[in-house]
Amino acid sequence: MKKTILSLAFVFATIAAAKAQTKIPPNIQKLLQKNTCLACHNPDNKLVGPAYKEVMAKKKYKPEQIVELIYKPKPSNWAGYPPMAPMSQVPKDEAMQIAKWMVTLK
């Protein structure tokens, strides 16, 4: 009986962990909100645009490449999604902080 309960607890804990949402560090959360990134993107789930994890799973981008894509998006990379507008209003240092966070996502 104990083995069954422990096994079930392990299964439920594993399922819960798999469904856990990515926590965004507070400083990055502020930048994502300030620059309206969260209107279209989410770390884990597709919104208007792809999830940040989906972006990182597609290609192993370097932070500098992500910054370039923030300023000059390539809609051809994301068929099935509306094209992203260039985000030239995002300060370069803030774009780099966001990009450095994105490359940590798995």
N, C-alpha and C. Protein backbone atom coordinates (compact mmCIF):
# COMPACT_ATOMS: atom_id res chain seq x y z
N MET A 1 0.83 -1.20 0.00
CA MET A 1 0.00 0.00 0.00
C MET A 1 0.87 1.26 0.00
N LYS A 2 1.93 1.26 0.84
CA LYS A 2 2.81 2.43 0.90
C LYS A 2 3.48 2.67 -0.44
N LYS A 3 3.90 1.57 -1.11
CA LYS A 3 4.55 1.70 -2.41
C LYS A 3 3.59 2.30 -3.43
N THR A 4 2.35 1.90 -3.38
CA THR A 4 1.35 2.44 -4.31
C THR A 4 1.14 3.93 -4.07
N ILE A 5 1.01 4.33 -2.85
CA ILE A 5 0.82 5.75 -2.52
C ILE A 5 2.04 6.56 -2.93
N LEU A 6 3.24 6.04 -2.63
CA LEU A 6 4.46 6.74 -3.02
C LEU A 6 4.59 6.84 -4.54
N SER A 7 4.21 5.78 -5.23
CA SER A 7 4.27 5.79 -6.70
C SER A 7 3.30 6.82 -7.26
N LEU A 8 2.09 6.85 -6.73
CA LEU A 8 1.11 7.84 -7.19
C LEU A 8 1.57 9.26 -6.88
N ALA A 9 2.14 9.47 -5.72
CA ALA A 9 2.65 10.79 -5.36
C ALA A 9 3.75 11.22 -6.32
N PHE A 10 4.62 10.29 -6.67
CA PHE A 10 5.69 10.59 -7.62
C PHE A 10 5.12 10.95 -8.99
N VAL A 11 4.14 10.20 -9.45
CA VAL A 11 3.53 10.47 -10.76
C VAL A 11 2.88 11.84 -10.77
N PHE A 12 2.12 12.16 -9.75
CA PHE A 12 1.45 13.46 -9.68
C PHE A 12 2.44 14.61 -9.58
N ALA A 13 3.51 14.41 -8.83
CA ALA A 13 4.55 15.44 -8.72
C ALA A 13 5.23 15.67 -10.06
N THR A 14 5.47 14.60 -10.80
CA THR A 14 6.09 14.70 -12.12
C THR A 14 5.18 15.45 -13.08
N ILE A 15 3.90 15.14 -13.07
CA ILE A 15 2.93 15.83 -13.93
C ILE A 15 2.86 17.30 -13.57
N ALA A 16 2.82 17.61 -12.30
CA ALA A 16 2.75 19.00 -11.85
C ALA A 16 4.00 19.77 -12.29
N ALA A 17 5.15 19.15 -12.17
CA ALA A 17 6.39 19.80 -12.57
C ALA A 17 6.42 20.06 -14.08
N ALA A 18 5.90 19.12 -14.85
CA ALA A 18 5.87 19.28 -16.31
C ALA A 18 4.97 20.44 -16.73
N LYS A 19 3.92 20.67 -15.96
CA LYS A 19 2.98 21.75 -16.30
C LYS A 19 3.37 23.08 -15.69
N ALA A 20 4.41 23.09 -14.89
CA ALA A 20 4.82 24.34 -14.22
C ALA A 20 5.19 25.38 -15.25
N GLN A 21 4.78 26.59 -15.00
CA GLN A 21 5.08 27.70 -15.90
C GLN A 21 6.45 28.27 -15.57
N THR A 22 7.12 28.74 -16.60
CA THR A 22 8.42 29.36 -16.42
C THR A 22 8.27 30.64 -15.62
N LYS A 23 9.07 30.77 -14.59
CA LYS A 23 9.05 32.00 -13.80
C LYS A 23 9.97 33.01 -14.47
N ILE A 24 9.45 34.21 -14.65
CA ILE A 24 10.22 35.29 -15.26
C ILE A 24 10.84 36.10 -14.13
N PRO A 25 12.15 36.31 -14.16
CA PRO A 25 12.77 37.14 -13.11
C PRO A 25 12.12 38.53 -13.09
N PRO A 26 11.96 39.11 -11.90
CA PRO A 26 11.26 40.40 -11.80
C PRO A 26 11.83 41.50 -12.69
N ASN A 27 13.15 41.59 -12.81
CA ASN A 27 13.73 42.64 -13.66
C ASN A 27 13.38 42.43 -15.13
N ILE A 28 13.34 41.18 -15.57
CA ILE A 28 12.98 40.87 -16.96
C ILE A 28 11.48 41.08 -17.16
N GLN A 29 10.68 40.70 -16.18
CA GLN A 29 9.22 40.92 -16.24
C GLN A 29 8.92 42.39 -16.50
N LYS A 30 9.61 43.27 -15.78
CA LYS A 30 9.40 44.71 -15.95
C LYS A 30 9.75 45.16 -17.37
N LEU A 31 10.86 44.64 -17.90
CA LEU A 31 11.27 45.01 -19.26
C LEU A 31 10.28 44.48 -20.30
N LEU A 32 9.81 43.26 -20.12
CA LEU A 32 8.85 42.68 -21.05
C LEU A 32 7.54 43.46 -21.04
N GLN A 33 7.12 43.90 -19.85
CA GLN A 33 5.90 44.70 -19.76
C GLN A 33 6.11 46.09 -20.34
N LYS A 34 7.19 46.73 -19.98
CA LYS A 34 7.48 48.09 -20.45
C LYS A 34 7.52 48.15 -21.97
N ASN A 35 8.12 47.14 -22.58
CA ASN A 35 8.31 47.14 -24.03
C ASN A 35 7.21 46.39 -24.77
N THR A 36 6.13 46.08 -24.11
CA THR A 36 4.93 45.41 -24.64
C THR A 36 5.18 44.04 -25.25
N CYS A 37 6.25 43.39 -24.87
CA CYS A 37 6.57 42.07 -25.40
C CYS A 37 5.50 41.04 -25.01
N LEU A 38 4.98 41.17 -23.77
CA LEU A 38 4.03 40.20 -23.27
C LEU A 38 2.66 40.29 -23.93
N ALA A 39 2.44 41.32 -24.71
CA ALA A 39 1.18 41.42 -25.45
C ALA A 39 1.10 40.31 -26.50
N CYS A 40 2.23 39.88 -27.00
CA CYS A 40 2.26 38.87 -28.06
C CYS A 40 3.00 37.59 -27.71
N HIS A 41 3.87 37.64 -26.69
CA HIS A 41 4.70 36.49 -26.37
C HIS A 41 4.57 36.09 -24.90
N ASN A 42 4.76 34.80 -24.66
CA ASN A 42 4.73 34.20 -23.33
C ASN A 42 5.89 33.21 -23.29
N PRO A 43 6.48 32.98 -22.13
CA PRO A 43 7.60 32.03 -22.10
C PRO A 43 7.22 30.63 -22.57
N ASP A 44 6.03 30.16 -22.20
CA ASP A 44 5.67 28.76 -22.42
C ASP A 44 4.61 28.51 -23.49
N ASN A 45 3.74 29.48 -23.72
CA ASN A 45 2.58 29.24 -24.57
C ASN A 45 2.49 30.22 -25.73
N LYS A 46 1.99 29.71 -26.84
CA LYS A 46 1.75 30.55 -28.00
C LYS A 46 0.66 31.57 -27.66
N LEU A 47 0.90 32.81 -27.99
CA LEU A 47 -0.14 33.84 -27.89
C LEU A 47 -0.37 34.31 -29.33
N VAL A 48 -0.14 35.57 -29.59
CA VAL A 48 -0.18 36.09 -30.96
C VAL A 48 1.07 35.59 -31.69
N GLY A 49 2.20 35.67 -30.99
CA GLY A 49 3.47 35.19 -31.53
C GLY A 49 3.89 33.92 -30.82
N PRO A 50 5.01 33.35 -31.25
CA PRO A 50 5.47 32.11 -30.63
C PRO A 50 5.93 32.32 -29.19
N ALA A 51 5.87 31.25 -28.40
CA ALA A 51 6.40 31.29 -27.04
C ALA A 51 7.91 31.48 -27.11
N TYR A 52 8.47 32.11 -26.09
CA TYR A 52 9.92 32.31 -26.06
C TYR A 52 10.64 30.97 -26.14
N LYS A 53 10.12 29.95 -25.46
CA LYS A 53 10.74 28.63 -25.51
C LYS A 53 10.69 28.05 -26.92
N GLU A 54 9.61 28.32 -27.63
CA GLU A 54 9.49 27.84 -29.01
C GLU A 54 10.54 28.51 -29.91
N VAL A 55 10.76 29.79 -29.68
CA VAL A 55 11.78 30.51 -30.43
C VAL A 55 13.14 29.86 -30.20
N MET A 56 13.45 29.60 -28.93
CA MET A 56 14.76 29.05 -28.59
C MET A 56 14.90 27.59 -29.02
N ALA A 57 13.79 26.86 -29.10
CA ALA A 57 13.85 25.47 -29.54
C ALA A 57 14.09 25.37 -31.04
N LYS A 58 13.66 26.39 -31.77
CA LYS A 58 13.79 26.37 -33.23
C LYS A 58 15.26 26.48 -33.65
N LYS A 59 15.99 27.34 -32.96
CA LYS A 59 17.39 27.57 -33.30
C LYS A 59 18.11 28.03 -32.04
N LYS A 60 19.36 27.67 -31.92
CA LYS A 60 20.15 28.09 -30.77
C LYS A 60 20.69 29.50 -31.03
N TYR A 61 19.82 30.48 -30.85
CA TYR A 61 20.20 31.87 -31.08
C TYR A 61 21.17 32.35 -30.02
N LYS A 62 22.06 33.23 -30.42
CA LYS A 62 22.92 33.95 -29.49
C LYS A 62 22.18 35.23 -29.13
N PRO A 63 22.48 35.83 -27.97
CA PRO A 63 21.77 37.06 -27.58
C PRO A 63 21.83 38.15 -28.65
N GLU A 64 22.96 38.29 -29.31
CA GLU A 64 23.09 39.33 -30.35
C GLU A 64 22.13 39.08 -31.51
N GLN A 65 21.90 37.81 -31.84
CA GLN A 65 20.97 37.47 -32.91
C GLN A 65 19.54 37.80 -32.51
N ILE A 66 19.21 37.55 -31.25
CA ILE A 66 17.85 37.86 -30.78
C ILE A 66 17.64 39.37 -30.81
N VAL A 67 18.62 40.14 -30.37
CA VAL A 67 18.50 41.60 -30.41
C VAL A 67 18.26 42.05 -31.85
N GLU A 68 19.00 41.48 -32.79
CA GLU A 68 18.82 41.84 -34.20
C GLU A 68 17.40 41.54 -34.66
N LEU A 69 16.86 40.39 -34.22
CA LEU A 69 15.50 40.03 -34.59
C LEU A 69 14.44 40.91 -33.94
N ILE A 70 14.75 41.47 -32.78
CA ILE A 70 13.82 42.41 -32.13
C ILE A 70 13.69 43.66 -33.01
N TYR A 71 14.80 44.11 -33.56
CA TYR A 71 14.81 45.32 -34.38
C TYR A 71 14.42 45.06 -35.84
N LYS A 72 14.76 43.85 -36.33
CA LYS A 72 14.46 43.50 -37.73
C LYS A 72 13.92 42.07 -37.77
N PRO A 73 12.65 41.90 -37.42
CA PRO A 73 12.07 40.54 -37.42
C PRO A 73 12.08 39.94 -38.83
N LYS A 74 12.11 38.63 -38.87
CA LYS A 74 12.08 37.90 -40.14
C LYS A 74 10.81 37.04 -40.16
N PRO A 75 9.71 37.60 -40.66
CA PRO A 75 8.44 36.84 -40.67
C PRO A 75 8.54 35.50 -41.37
N SER A 76 9.45 35.38 -42.34
CA SER A 76 9.57 34.10 -43.04
C SER A 76 10.02 32.98 -42.10
N ASN A 77 10.61 33.31 -40.95
CA ASN A 77 11.02 32.30 -39.97
C ASN A 77 9.82 31.69 -39.26
N TRP A 78 8.67 32.38 -39.28
CA TRP A 78 7.54 31.95 -38.47
C TRP A 78 6.25 31.90 -39.27
N ALA A 79 6.20 31.01 -40.23
CA ALA A 79 4.98 30.82 -41.01
C ALA A 79 3.84 30.44 -40.06
N GLY A 80 2.67 30.98 -40.33
CA GLY A 80 1.52 30.68 -39.49
C GLY A 80 1.30 31.67 -38.37
N TYR A 81 2.23 32.60 -38.20
CA TYR A 81 2.09 33.66 -37.20
C TYR A 81 2.00 34.99 -37.92
N PRO A 82 1.28 35.96 -37.34
CA PRO A 82 1.30 37.30 -37.94
C PRO A 82 2.72 37.87 -37.84
N PRO A 83 3.12 38.67 -38.82
CA PRO A 83 4.48 39.22 -38.77
C PRO A 83 4.66 40.16 -37.58
N MET A 84 5.82 40.04 -36.95
CA MET A 84 6.15 40.93 -35.83
C MET A 84 6.59 42.27 -36.37
N ALA A 85 6.13 43.32 -35.75
CA ALA A 85 6.57 44.67 -36.13
C ALA A 85 7.97 44.90 -35.58
N PRO A 86 8.82 45.63 -36.29
CA PRO A 86 10.12 45.99 -35.73
C PRO A 86 9.92 46.77 -34.43
N MET A 87 10.69 46.44 -33.43
CA MET A 87 10.55 47.06 -32.11
C MET A 87 11.70 48.03 -31.87
N SER A 88 11.83 49.02 -32.74
CA SER A 88 12.95 49.96 -32.68
C SER A 88 12.93 50.84 -31.44
N GLN A 89 11.80 50.90 -30.74
CA GLN A 89 11.70 51.73 -29.54
C GLN A 89 12.34 51.07 -28.31
N VAL A 90 12.66 49.79 -28.40
CA VAL A 90 13.26 49.08 -27.27
C VAL A 90 14.73 49.48 -27.16
N PRO A 91 15.13 50.05 -26.02
CA PRO A 91 16.54 50.42 -25.86
C PRO A 91 17.44 49.19 -26.00
N LYS A 92 18.58 49.40 -26.63
CA LYS A 92 19.50 48.29 -26.94
C LYS A 92 19.90 47.50 -25.68
N ASP A 93 20.18 48.20 -24.59
CA ASP A 93 20.58 47.49 -23.37
C ASP A 93 19.43 46.63 -22.82
N GLU A 94 18.20 47.11 -22.95
CA GLU A 94 17.05 46.34 -22.50
C GLU A 94 16.82 45.14 -23.41
N ALA A 95 16.97 45.33 -24.70
CA ALA A 95 16.83 44.22 -25.65
C ALA A 95 17.86 43.14 -25.33
N MET A 96 19.07 43.55 -25.00
CA MET A 96 20.13 42.59 -24.69
C MET A 96 19.82 41.83 -23.39
N GLN A 97 19.27 42.51 -22.39
CA GLN A 97 18.90 41.83 -21.14
C GLN A 97 17.83 40.77 -21.41
N ILE A 98 16.84 41.14 -22.23
CA ILE A 98 15.78 40.20 -22.58
C ILE A 98 16.37 39.01 -23.35
N ALA A 99 17.25 39.31 -24.30
CA ALA A 99 17.86 38.26 -25.12
C ALA A 99 18.70 37.31 -24.27
N LYS A 100 19.46 37.85 -23.33
CA LYS A 100 20.28 37.01 -22.46
C LYS A 100 19.40 36.08 -21.61
N TRP A 101 18.25 36.58 -21.19
CA TRP A 101 17.31 35.73 -20.45
C TRP A 101 16.74 34.65 -21.36
N MET A 102 16.37 35.03 -22.58
CA MET A 102 15.76 34.07 -23.51
C MET A 102 16.67 32.87 -23.77
N VAL A 103 17.98 33.11 -23.89
CA VAL A 103 18.86 31.99 -24.20
C VAL A 103 19.00 31.01 -23.03
N THR A 104 18.52 31.38 -21.85
CA THR A 104 18.54 30.47 -20.71
C THR A 104 17.35 29.51 -20.73
N LEU A 105 16.36 29.77 -21.57
CA LEU A 105 15.15 28.95 -21.60
C LEU A 105 15.43 27.63 -22.32
N LYS A 106 14.81 26.59 -21.83
CA LYS A 106 14.98 25.27 -22.46
C LYS A 106 13.64 24.69 -22.83
